[in-house]
Protein backbone atom coordinates (compact mmCIF):
# COMPACT_ATOMS: atom_id res chain seq x y z
CA MET A 1 132.65 82.85 87.68
CA ARG A 2 129.86 83.81 85.28
CA ALA A 3 127.32 81.48 86.92
CA VAL A 4 128.17 82.78 90.39
CA ASN A 5 127.89 86.37 89.29
CA GLY A 6 124.51 85.64 87.72
CA ARG A 7 123.22 84.32 91.02
CA ARG A 8 124.68 87.20 93.02
CA ALA A 9 123.00 89.70 90.72
CA GLN A 10 119.62 88.45 91.94
CA ARG A 11 120.12 90.09 95.34
CA HIS A 12 120.49 93.66 96.53
CA PRO A 13 123.72 94.50 98.39
CA LEU A 14 123.70 93.77 102.12
CA ALA A 15 123.77 97.47 103.08
CA LEU A 16 120.62 98.13 101.04
CA ARG A 17 118.86 95.09 102.48
CA LEU A 18 119.62 96.17 106.04
CA LEU A 19 118.49 99.74 105.38
CA HIS A 20 115.37 98.49 103.59
CA TRP A 21 114.09 96.42 106.50
CA LEU A 22 115.19 98.91 109.15
CA LEU A 23 113.40 101.75 107.38
CA ALA A 24 110.34 99.59 106.76
CA ALA A 25 110.05 98.96 110.52
CA LEU A 26 110.74 102.58 111.45
CA LEU A 27 108.28 103.99 108.90
CA ALA A 28 105.54 101.66 110.12
CA LEU A 29 106.25 102.73 113.70
CA GLN A 30 106.35 106.39 112.66
CA VAL A 31 102.96 106.29 110.92
CA VAL A 32 101.36 104.61 113.93
CA LEU A 33 103.05 107.05 116.30
CA GLY A 34 101.93 110.05 114.26
CA PHE A 35 98.29 109.01 114.11
CA ALA A 36 98.36 108.05 117.80
CA ALA A 37 99.74 111.48 118.73
CA GLU A 38 97.22 113.29 116.51
CA HIS A 39 94.26 111.39 117.95
CA ALA A 40 95.51 110.83 121.51
CA ALA A 41 92.87 110.47 124.19
CA THR A 42 94.40 113.22 126.33
CA PRO A 43 96.50 116.33 125.59
CA ALA A 44 99.18 115.01 127.96
CA LEU A 45 99.57 111.84 125.92
CA SER A 46 99.71 113.85 122.71
CA GLU A 47 102.40 116.12 124.13
CA ALA A 48 104.43 113.05 125.13
CA LEU A 49 104.13 111.34 121.72
CA PHE A 50 104.80 114.27 119.38
CA PRO A 51 108.46 114.80 120.48
CA LEU A 52 109.11 111.08 119.89
CA HIS A 53 107.48 111.44 116.48
CA PHE A 54 109.74 114.39 115.67
CA ARG A 55 112.96 112.65 116.75
CA LEU A 56 112.09 109.48 114.88
CA GLY A 57 111.37 111.58 111.79
CA VAL A 58 114.85 113.08 111.94
CA LEU A 59 116.36 109.59 112.22
CA ILE A 60 114.31 108.38 109.24
CA LEU A 61 115.40 111.37 107.16
CA CYS A 62 119.07 110.64 107.89
CA LEU A 63 118.65 106.95 107.08
CA MET A 64 116.78 107.75 103.86
CA LEU A 65 119.58 110.04 102.71
CA LEU A 66 122.07 107.28 103.54
CA ARG A 67 119.98 104.74 101.66
CA LEU A 68 119.73 107.01 98.62
CA ALA A 69 123.51 107.46 98.62
CA VAL A 70 124.09 103.70 98.94
CA ARG A 71 121.53 102.99 96.21
CA LEU A 72 123.29 105.37 93.83
CA TRP A 73 126.72 103.99 94.74
CA LEU A 74 126.16 100.22 94.76
CA PRO A 75 124.79 98.11 91.88
CA ALA A 76 121.34 96.59 92.23
CA PRO A 77 119.70 93.73 90.32
CA GLY A 78 117.43 94.63 87.45
CA HIS A 79 113.97 93.19 86.82
CA VAL A 80 113.84 90.24 84.47
CA GLY A 81 110.80 89.80 82.28
CA GLY A 82 107.55 91.69 82.51
CA THR A 83 106.13 94.41 80.31
CA ARG A 84 107.52 97.88 79.70
CA TRP A 85 104.59 99.57 81.41
CA GLY A 86 105.06 97.26 84.40
CA ALA A 87 108.69 98.34 84.68
CA ARG A 88 107.65 101.98 84.46
CA LEU A 89 104.99 101.47 87.13
CA ARG A 90 107.54 99.87 89.45
CA ALA A 91 109.93 102.76 88.88
CA CYS A 92 107.18 105.29 89.62
CA VAL A 93 106.13 103.52 92.82
CA HIS A 94 109.72 103.28 94.05
CA GLY A 95 110.34 106.92 93.16
CA LEU A 96 107.21 108.02 95.03
CA LEU A 97 108.19 105.91 98.04
CA TYR A 98 111.60 107.55 98.16
CA GLY A 99 110.11 111.00 97.61
CA LEU A 100 107.44 110.70 100.31
CA ALA A 101 109.87 109.19 102.81
CA LEU A 102 111.99 112.33 102.34
CA VAL A 103 109.17 114.89 102.10
CA LEU A 104 107.33 113.73 105.23
CA PRO A 105 110.20 114.37 107.67
CA LEU A 106 110.92 117.73 105.99
CA SER A 107 107.30 118.87 106.18
CA GLY A 108 107.15 117.65 109.78
CA HIS A 109 110.22 119.74 110.55
CA VAL A 110 108.53 122.82 109.06
CA ILE A 111 105.47 122.25 111.27
CA TRP A 112 107.65 121.67 114.33
CA VAL A 113 109.63 124.87 113.82
CA TRP A 114 106.44 126.85 113.19
CA MET A 115 105.07 125.55 116.50
CA GLY A 116 108.18 126.77 118.29
CA ALA A 117 108.61 123.29 119.78
CA ASP A 118 111.77 121.92 121.33
CA ARG A 119 114.08 120.58 118.61
CA THR A 120 116.48 118.80 120.97
CA LEU A 121 117.38 115.28 119.89
CA PHE A 122 119.68 114.06 122.68
CA ALA A 123 122.39 115.38 125.00
CA GLY A 124 121.61 118.98 124.05
CA VAL A 125 122.00 118.38 120.30
CA GLN A 126 119.40 120.41 118.42
CA VAL A 127 118.09 120.23 114.88
CA PRO A 128 118.66 123.63 113.23
CA ALA A 129 115.51 125.60 112.49
CA LEU A 130 116.72 126.54 108.97
CA PHE A 131 114.12 129.31 108.70
CA VAL A 132 112.23 131.90 110.73
CA PRO A 133 108.46 131.38 110.53
CA PRO A 134 106.68 134.45 109.14
CA ALA A 135 103.53 135.90 110.67
CA ASP A 136 101.45 134.48 107.82
CA GLU A 137 100.78 130.82 108.61
CA THR A 138 99.95 129.75 105.07
CA GLY A 139 103.22 127.84 104.87
CA ARG A 140 102.42 125.96 108.05
CA ALA A 141 98.99 124.97 106.70
CA ILE A 142 100.53 123.74 103.45
CA ALA A 143 103.14 121.74 105.37
CA TRP A 144 100.41 120.20 107.52
CA TYR A 145 98.38 119.10 104.48
CA VAL A 146 101.50 117.68 102.83
CA HIS A 147 102.41 115.85 106.03
CA VAL A 148 99.01 114.34 106.77
CA TYR A 149 97.94 113.41 103.26
CA GLY A 150 101.48 112.37 102.42
CA ALA A 151 101.32 109.87 105.31
CA TRP A 152 98.13 108.39 103.87
CA ALA A 153 99.68 108.26 100.40
CA LEU A 154 102.82 106.58 101.76
CA SER A 155 100.71 103.99 103.59
CA ALA A 156 98.79 103.23 100.38
CA LEU A 157 101.96 102.95 98.30
CA VAL A 158 103.61 100.66 100.84
CA GLY A 159 100.52 98.46 100.73
CA LEU A 160 100.71 98.39 96.91
CA HIS A 161 104.44 97.65 97.05
CA VAL A 162 103.98 94.74 99.46
CA ALA A 163 100.99 93.35 97.53
CA ALA A 164 102.94 93.47 94.26
CA ALA A 165 105.93 91.66 95.78
CA VAL A 166 103.77 88.96 97.40
CA SER A 167 101.72 88.53 94.20
CA ARG A 168 104.94 88.18 92.17
CA GLN A 169 106.24 85.53 94.56
CA LEU A 170 102.97 83.56 94.61
CA ARG A 171 102.60 83.64 90.82
CA GLN A 172 106.17 82.63 90.04
CA GLY A 173 106.84 80.44 93.09
CA ASP A 174 110.54 81.31 92.96
CA GLY A 175 111.12 82.88 96.38
CA PHE A 176 111.26 86.36 94.86
CA ILE A 177 111.22 88.28 98.16
CA SER A 178 113.91 86.18 99.85
CA ARG A 179 116.06 86.25 96.70
CA ARG A 180 115.95 90.04 96.46
CA MET A 181 115.76 91.22 100.06
CA GLY A 182 116.48 88.16 102.25
CA PHE A 183 119.56 87.36 104.32
CA GLY A 184 119.94 83.59 103.96
CA ALA A 185 121.62 81.71 101.16
CA LEU A 186 120.09 82.07 97.73
CA PRO A 187 117.88 79.16 96.60
CA GLY A 188 120.10 76.32 95.38
CA GLU A 189 123.17 77.79 97.09
CA ALA A 190 124.52 76.56 100.42
CA ALA A 191 125.44 79.10 103.07
CA ASP A 192 129.15 78.32 102.59
CA GLY A 193 128.94 78.64 98.84
CA GLY A 194 128.08 74.90 98.48
CA PRO A 195 126.98 73.03 95.38
CA ALA A 196 126.08 75.96 93.14
CA ARG A 197 129.37 77.72 93.71
CA ARG A 198 131.43 74.58 93.28
CA ALA A 199 129.57 73.74 90.07
CA GLY A 200 130.25 77.24 88.77
CA ALA A 201 133.93 76.94 89.64
CA ALA A 202 134.13 73.53 87.95
CA SER A 203 132.54 74.85 84.77
CA GLN A 204 135.05 77.71 84.75
CA VAL A 205 137.95 75.30 85.05
CA GLY A 206 136.45 73.19 82.23
CA GLU A 207 136.42 76.28 80.00
């Protein structure tokens, strides 16, 4: 089974792959929704979009916490090859992506509570306020700056992350993205465990 395990180690667990692509879609939608609400043509449109932005932010926060728990619980493939500084850069980018994806919903919640806006999610379920806004609005201003500039930073990091993955795949020509985060069979492996698995089993029997 050593050959099979080596191939399996190329891919993230299914739960992480599902959460990765779901959060990627939701974060893209959330950034677009936030900027659309901030720069809406009419106040009525802005007032309609901001509650959706808030609710989606709560969902993203919950999914990010779930993803972090799954990432800490399940094994993930390591990077093969490359330089030490490249590995450190990848770790920093991933850490910043995780951090911003958590900080943005939290800062948005602070702004929302400070505005005294409706925190209802669905069927009367409300997000707890967690704090009482003081008369001094310095905290609200800080949260706003963190939220807005954090959204720009997240967008830039996502662009860097995607560019690095695509560049890696084009340079190596080994289907890097599909191997790590795809859902089909791994290259050289049939969907039912085909030739690669049978060859691995045969080599084990031979040993």
